[in-house]
Each structure stands twice: as C-alpha cells, then as structure tokens.
Amino acid sequence: MTLPTPLLLLPGLLCDAAVWAPLASCRGGVVADYGGADSITAMAEAALAAASPGRFAVAGHSMGGRVAFELLRLAPARVAGLALLDTGCHPLPPGEAGASERAGRLALLDLARRSGMRAMARQWALGMVHPTRVDTPLFEAVLDMLARRDVATFEAQIRALLARPDATPQLAGVHCPTLLLTGAQDGWSPPAQHQRMADTIPGAQLVVVVPDCGHMSTMEAPAAVDAALAGWLARVAAVRPRG
C-alpha cells in the first residue's frame, strides 16, 4: 500500500507492530522499535533514525504518543501530521498520585520478574481493554503481544515512563494537522484528558470518542480507528509544506 505521506507508527508500552496491524490506513507505515531505550528522548531518537527521510506523519498510541511529542520537539520541521491515540502529555504527578502510579508500575515489574511476562500481562491487560473483551481471542492477542517482550525491556520502558517529560508546554505550538482519539472506557487515558489537549492544540480535531472501547483502541475497534486515521492522513496530504 502506498501512503500519501510517509507514516511513522509509535507503539505503546511493550507493544509492537501487532497494535497497528488491524488498520488498513497504517499498512506501509514504519513501526518504530525502541530497542533497550530507557528514556522518552532515547525512544524518539530511535524512531527518528527509522523514519523516512524528509517529512512524515507520525501516529503514537499510549506511550507512543509521548514519544511523538518528544520527536516533534527534536525535529519539528519533519513532522507533517500528528495523531495521538489513548495517550497524555503530563509528567508523573506530584504527591500521592505520582507515588501511587510509581508503586503500581513497580508492582507489575516485580510480578513479571517473579511469574513471567504473560502472568504480568494478564493482570495489567484486565484494565486495558473494555470489560466485555476480557477472555476473548482479542484479549489473548494482547497478552501474546505483551509477552513477546522481556523483563529487561519492560524495566527500561517503566523507567522512561516514570521520568517522562512534561509535553504540556508544546501543545500550543503544534501547527500540523492533529488527530486525538480515545476509547470511551479508557480509564488510563480518558476522554477528558484528550479534550484538554485538543482545546490547546491549534486546529486539533478530537474524533468522537470510540464507544465500548478501552485503552487498546487500535485492536479493540479497528474499523472506527481506521476511518479516523484515514481521514487524518487525507488532511495531512492536503497541506502543503511552508516555504
């Protein structure tokens, strides 16, 4: 499939190309591999090294959205469009909220060390998909994807997320066609979080929140996400670069 604009796809925590595979709009795109990177900046640098020369559109899911913001900071002139799926821009919150997130992530890492990646993935994924999709073939596909990564990669990505930069100051400076999308039941990156980002990004388009969908929107509701991404890519292709 020939895309109108080269497309760079940024997966989330422990995810790989399988998270984008259900989407026809993304076929032909380059899926970044962060290797052993343990910071959002290092992930963005790895993604840039894999990107097409020149300008490209970038779509990030979950942690990949945070990598997209950092990539935009590093190479703003190369980003022709930005799609942010089930993600956020805030750093680790201060006080009790931040301590709770840290403890939760480290508890999952400890479970992975003690019982293996699949055992950890099952516990974690219970809160990542819509409740009706637990113990379905889709749920098993999510577990398979997460279990393909090893504990060392999980630890590196946990470190990156706990030290994630605050991308909030970047929002007002985003001037490329931007899509924000999330599942209605995404408890980790809820609709209100995306609306706040959309309210600050000039010209952002907040797609109607995908109904009956959790955090893994690209796998849970591929038809709705595919249509949104196809429309966004058409907007990106229609914009002529400045200068």
Protein backbone atom coordinates (compact mmCIF):
# COMPACT_ATOMS: atom_id res chain seq x y z
CA MET A 1 0.00 0.00 0.00
CA THR A 2 1.34 3.43 -0.97
CA LEU A 3 0.61 6.08 1.64
CA PRO A 4 0.06 9.69 0.52
CA THR A 5 2.56 10.79 3.19
CA PRO A 6 5.24 8.59 4.79
CA LEU A 7 3.91 7.35 8.13
CA LEU A 8 5.82 6.60 11.32
CA LEU A 9 3.97 4.47 13.88
CA LEU A 10 4.94 4.63 17.55
CA PRO A 11 3.71 1.75 19.74
CA GLY A 12 2.98 1.98 23.43
CA LEU A 13 4.43 0.20 26.45
CA LEU A 14 5.53 -3.33 25.48
CA CYS A 15 3.59 -3.14 22.21
CA ASP A 16 4.90 -3.94 18.74
CA ALA A 17 3.65 -3.92 15.15
CA ALA A 18 0.65 -6.05 16.15
CA VAL A 19 -1.00 -2.99 17.70
CA TRP A 20 -1.16 -1.35 14.25
CA ALA A 21 -1.77 -4.48 12.18
CA PRO A 22 -5.62 -4.29 12.16
CA LEU A 23 -5.54 -0.86 10.48
CA ALA A 24 -5.52 -0.70 6.68
CA SER A 25 -4.67 3.02 6.87
CA CYS A 26 -1.36 2.14 8.53
CA ARG A 27 -0.17 -0.57 6.17
CA GLY A 28 3.04 0.59 4.59
CA GLY A 29 3.93 2.68 7.62
CA VAL A 30 7.20 2.17 9.52
CA VAL A 31 6.75 0.83 13.06
CA ALA A 32 9.44 2.11 15.40
CA ASP A 33 11.38 -0.27 17.63
CA TYR A 34 12.77 1.44 20.73
CA GLY A 35 15.26 -1.33 21.47
CA GLY A 36 16.52 -1.02 25.04
CA ALA A 37 15.87 2.73 25.30
CA ASP A 38 15.08 3.77 28.87
CA SER A 39 14.04 7.38 28.27
CA ILE A 40 11.38 9.02 26.13
CA THR A 41 14.10 11.07 24.42
CA ALA A 42 16.10 7.96 23.51
CA MET A 43 12.92 6.35 22.15
CA ALA A 44 12.24 9.41 19.99
CA GLU A 45 15.81 9.35 18.68
CA ALA A 46 15.47 5.66 17.76
CA ALA A 47 12.18 6.39 15.99
CA LEU A 48 13.70 9.29 14.06
CA ALA A 49 16.52 7.05 12.89
CA ALA A 50 13.93 4.65 11.44
CA ALA A 51 11.73 7.33 9.86
CA SER A 52 11.57 8.12 6.16
CA PRO A 53 13.92 10.92 5.06
CA GLY A 54 12.24 14.29 4.89
CA ARG A 55 8.75 14.93 6.22
CA PHE A 56 6.39 12.28 7.57
CA ALA A 57 3.20 11.89 9.56
CA VAL A 58 3.51 10.31 12.99
CA ALA A 59 0.91 8.37 14.97
CA GLY A 60 1.53 7.37 18.57
CA HIS A 61 -0.51 5.07 20.76
CA SER A 62 -0.31 5.30 24.57
CA MET A 63 3.40 5.73 25.47
CA GLY A 64 3.96 6.22 21.74
CA GLY A 65 2.03 9.48 21.95
CA ARG A 66 4.54 10.75 24.49
CA VAL A 67 7.35 9.66 22.18
CA ALA A 68 5.58 11.57 19.38
CA PHE A 69 5.65 14.78 21.40
CA GLU A 70 9.37 14.36 22.05
CA LEU A 71 10.00 13.58 18.38
CA LEU A 72 8.13 16.76 17.48
CA ARG A 73 10.37 18.70 19.86
CA LEU A 74 13.52 17.21 18.33
CA ALA A 75 12.54 17.56 14.66
CA PRO A 76 9.54 19.89 14.30
CA ALA A 77 10.17 20.65 10.62
CA ARG A 78 9.92 16.98 9.68
CA VAL A 79 6.51 16.28 11.24
CA ALA A 80 3.72 16.78 8.70
CA GLY A 81 0.92 15.47 10.90
CA LEU A 82 0.35 14.18 14.42
CA ALA A 83 -2.10 11.52 15.63
CA LEU A 84 -2.39 10.96 19.38
CA LEU A 85 -4.26 7.83 20.44
CA ASP A 86 -5.09 6.89 24.03
CA THR A 87 -2.28 8.98 25.43
CA GLY A 88 -1.36 12.04 27.50
CA CYS A 89 1.13 14.85 27.83
CA HIS A 90 1.53 15.30 31.59
CA PRO A 91 4.58 14.21 33.62
CA LEU A 92 4.45 11.94 36.65
CA PRO A 93 2.16 13.84 39.01
CA PRO A 94 3.49 15.07 42.35
CA GLY A 95 2.46 13.77 45.73
CA GLU A 96 0.20 10.80 46.37
CA ALA A 97 -0.93 10.38 42.75
CA GLY A 98 2.63 10.06 41.49
CA ALA A 99 3.61 7.74 44.32
CA SER A 100 0.59 5.54 43.53
CA GLU A 101 1.48 5.34 39.84
CA ARG A 102 5.09 4.51 40.63
CA ALA A 103 4.09 1.80 43.10
CA GLY A 104 1.64 0.28 40.62
CA ARG A 105 4.16 0.15 37.80
CA LEU A 106 6.89 -1.30 40.01
CA ALA A 107 4.48 -3.92 41.36
CA LEU A 108 3.82 -5.10 37.80
CA LEU A 109 7.55 -5.19 37.13
CA ASP A 110 8.04 -7.29 40.27
CA LEU A 111 5.27 -9.66 39.11
CA ALA A 112 6.99 -10.02 35.72
CA ARG A 113 10.25 -10.92 37.45
CA ARG A 114 8.59 -13.46 39.75
CA SER A 115 5.99 -15.05 37.49
CA GLY A 116 6.89 -14.15 33.93
CA MET A 117 5.73 -11.64 31.37
CA ARG A 118 2.48 -13.38 30.46
CA ALA A 119 1.30 -13.51 34.08
CA MET A 120 2.07 -9.81 34.40
CA ALA A 121 0.38 -9.08 31.07
CA ARG A 122 -2.82 -10.79 32.13
CA GLN A 123 -3.11 -8.73 35.30
CA TRP A 124 -2.24 -5.49 33.54
CA ALA A 125 -4.45 -6.03 30.50
CA LEU A 126 -7.56 -6.53 32.63
CA GLY A 127 -7.68 -2.74 32.97
CA MET A 128 -6.53 -2.00 29.43
CA VAL A 129 -9.45 -3.39 27.40
CA HIS A 130 -13.22 -2.96 27.59
CA PRO A 131 -14.61 -5.43 30.20
CA THR A 132 -16.57 -7.32 27.53
CA ARG A 133 -13.32 -8.23 25.74
CA VAL A 134 -11.63 -9.97 28.66
CA ASP A 135 -11.00 -13.66 27.94
CA THR A 136 -11.73 -13.31 24.23
CA PRO A 137 -9.40 -14.02 21.28
CA LEU A 138 -8.60 -10.29 21.15
CA PHE A 139 -7.58 -10.33 24.81
CA GLU A 140 -5.31 -13.30 24.13
CA ALA A 141 -3.76 -11.43 21.20
CA VAL A 142 -2.97 -8.52 23.53
CA LEU A 143 -1.38 -10.93 26.02
CA ASP A 144 0.65 -12.57 23.25
CA MET A 145 1.97 -9.17 22.17
CA LEU A 146 2.95 -8.05 25.66
CA ALA A 147 4.55 -11.40 26.46
CA ARG A 148 6.84 -11.15 23.42
CA ARG A 149 8.88 -8.54 25.30
CA ASP A 150 11.33 -9.47 28.04
CA VAL A 151 11.65 -8.19 31.59
CA ALA A 152 14.67 -6.01 30.74
CA THR A 153 12.66 -4.16 28.08
CA PHE A 154 9.75 -3.75 30.48
CA GLU A 155 12.06 -2.31 33.14
CA ALA A 156 13.63 0.13 30.66
CA GLN A 157 10.25 1.37 29.46
CA ILE A 158 8.94 1.70 33.03
CA ARG A 159 11.94 3.91 33.82
CA ALA A 160 11.17 6.01 30.77
CA LEU A 161 7.53 6.50 31.74
CA LEU A 162 8.27 7.37 35.35
CA ALA A 163 10.74 10.04 34.15
CA ARG A 164 8.57 11.20 31.22
CA PRO A 165 8.88 14.89 30.28
CA ASP A 166 6.02 17.33 30.56
CA ALA A 167 4.81 17.94 26.99
CA THR A 168 2.04 20.35 28.04
CA PRO A 169 4.05 23.46 27.02
CA GLN A 170 4.34 22.05 23.48
CA LEU A 171 0.61 21.88 22.80
CA ALA A 172 0.09 25.50 21.73
CA GLY A 173 2.99 25.20 19.29
CA VAL A 174 1.59 22.23 17.34
CA HIS A 175 0.60 23.59 13.92
CA CYS A 176 0.28 20.44 11.79
CA PRO A 177 -2.98 18.52 11.24
CA THR A 178 -3.59 16.77 14.55
CA LEU A 179 -5.94 13.95 15.47
CA LEU A 180 -6.84 12.96 19.03
CA LEU A 181 -8.70 9.72 19.66
CA THR A 182 -9.50 7.57 22.65
CA GLY A 183 -11.81 4.83 23.83
CA ALA A 184 -14.87 5.86 25.82
CA GLN A 185 -13.88 3.46 28.60
CA ASP A 186 -10.15 4.16 28.54
CA GLY A 187 -9.54 4.51 32.27
CA TRP A 188 -5.82 5.21 31.86
CA SER A 189 -6.07 7.94 29.20
CA PRO A 190 -9.71 9.07 29.44
CA PRO A 191 -11.68 11.25 27.01
CA ALA A 192 -11.46 14.36 29.19
CA GLN A 193 -7.66 14.19 29.02
CA HIS A 194 -7.79 14.21 25.23
CA GLN A 195 -10.31 17.05 25.19
CA ARG A 196 -7.96 19.21 27.26
CA MET A 197 -5.17 18.59 24.75
CA ALA A 198 -7.49 19.30 21.82
CA ASP A 199 -8.57 22.58 23.40
CA THR A 200 -4.95 23.79 23.41
CA ILE A 201 -3.59 22.46 20.10
CA PRO A 202 -4.44 24.91 17.28
CA GLY A 203 -6.73 23.29 14.75
CA ALA A 204 -6.80 19.93 16.54
CA GLN A 205 -9.56 17.52 15.67
CA LEU A 206 -10.97 15.42 18.51
CA VAL A 207 -12.69 12.48 16.88
CA VAL A 208 -15.90 11.35 18.54
CA VAL A 209 -14.74 9.12 21.36
CA VAL A 210 -14.85 5.46 20.27
CA PRO A 211 -17.75 3.80 22.11
CA ASP A 212 -17.45 0.50 24.00
CA CYS A 213 -13.66 0.69 23.82
CA GLY A 214 -10.83 0.69 26.34
CA HIS A 215 -7.18 1.67 26.07
CA MET A 216 -6.23 -0.69 23.24
CA SER A 217 -8.36 1.14 20.68
CA THR A 218 -6.44 0.09 17.56
CA MET A 219 -7.08 -3.58 18.35
CA GLU A 220 -10.48 -3.25 20.03
CA ALA A 221 -12.23 -1.03 17.49
CA PRO A 222 -10.12 -1.16 14.31
CA ALA A 223 -12.89 -0.03 11.93
CA ALA A 224 -13.56 3.20 13.85
CA VAL A 225 -9.87 3.94 14.40
CA ASP A 226 -9.02 3.11 10.79
CA ALA A 227 -11.64 5.55 9.49
CA ALA A 228 -10.35 8.30 11.77
CA LEU A 229 -6.73 7.75 10.74
CA ALA A 230 -7.63 7.64 7.04
CA GLY A 231 -9.38 10.99 7.36
CA TRP A 232 -6.43 12.45 9.24
CA LEU A 233 -3.94 11.22 6.62
CA ALA A 234 -6.06 12.84 3.91
CA ARG A 235 -5.86 16.14 5.82
CA VAL A 236 -2.09 15.75 6.15
CA ALA A 237 -1.69 15.07 2.42
CA ALA A 238 -3.75 18.15 1.55
CA VAL A 239 -1.48 20.55 3.44
CA ARG A 240 1.43 22.00 1.50
CA PRO A 241 4.67 22.45 3.47
CA ARG A 242 5.50 26.04 4.35
CA GLY A 243 8.23 27.75 2.39
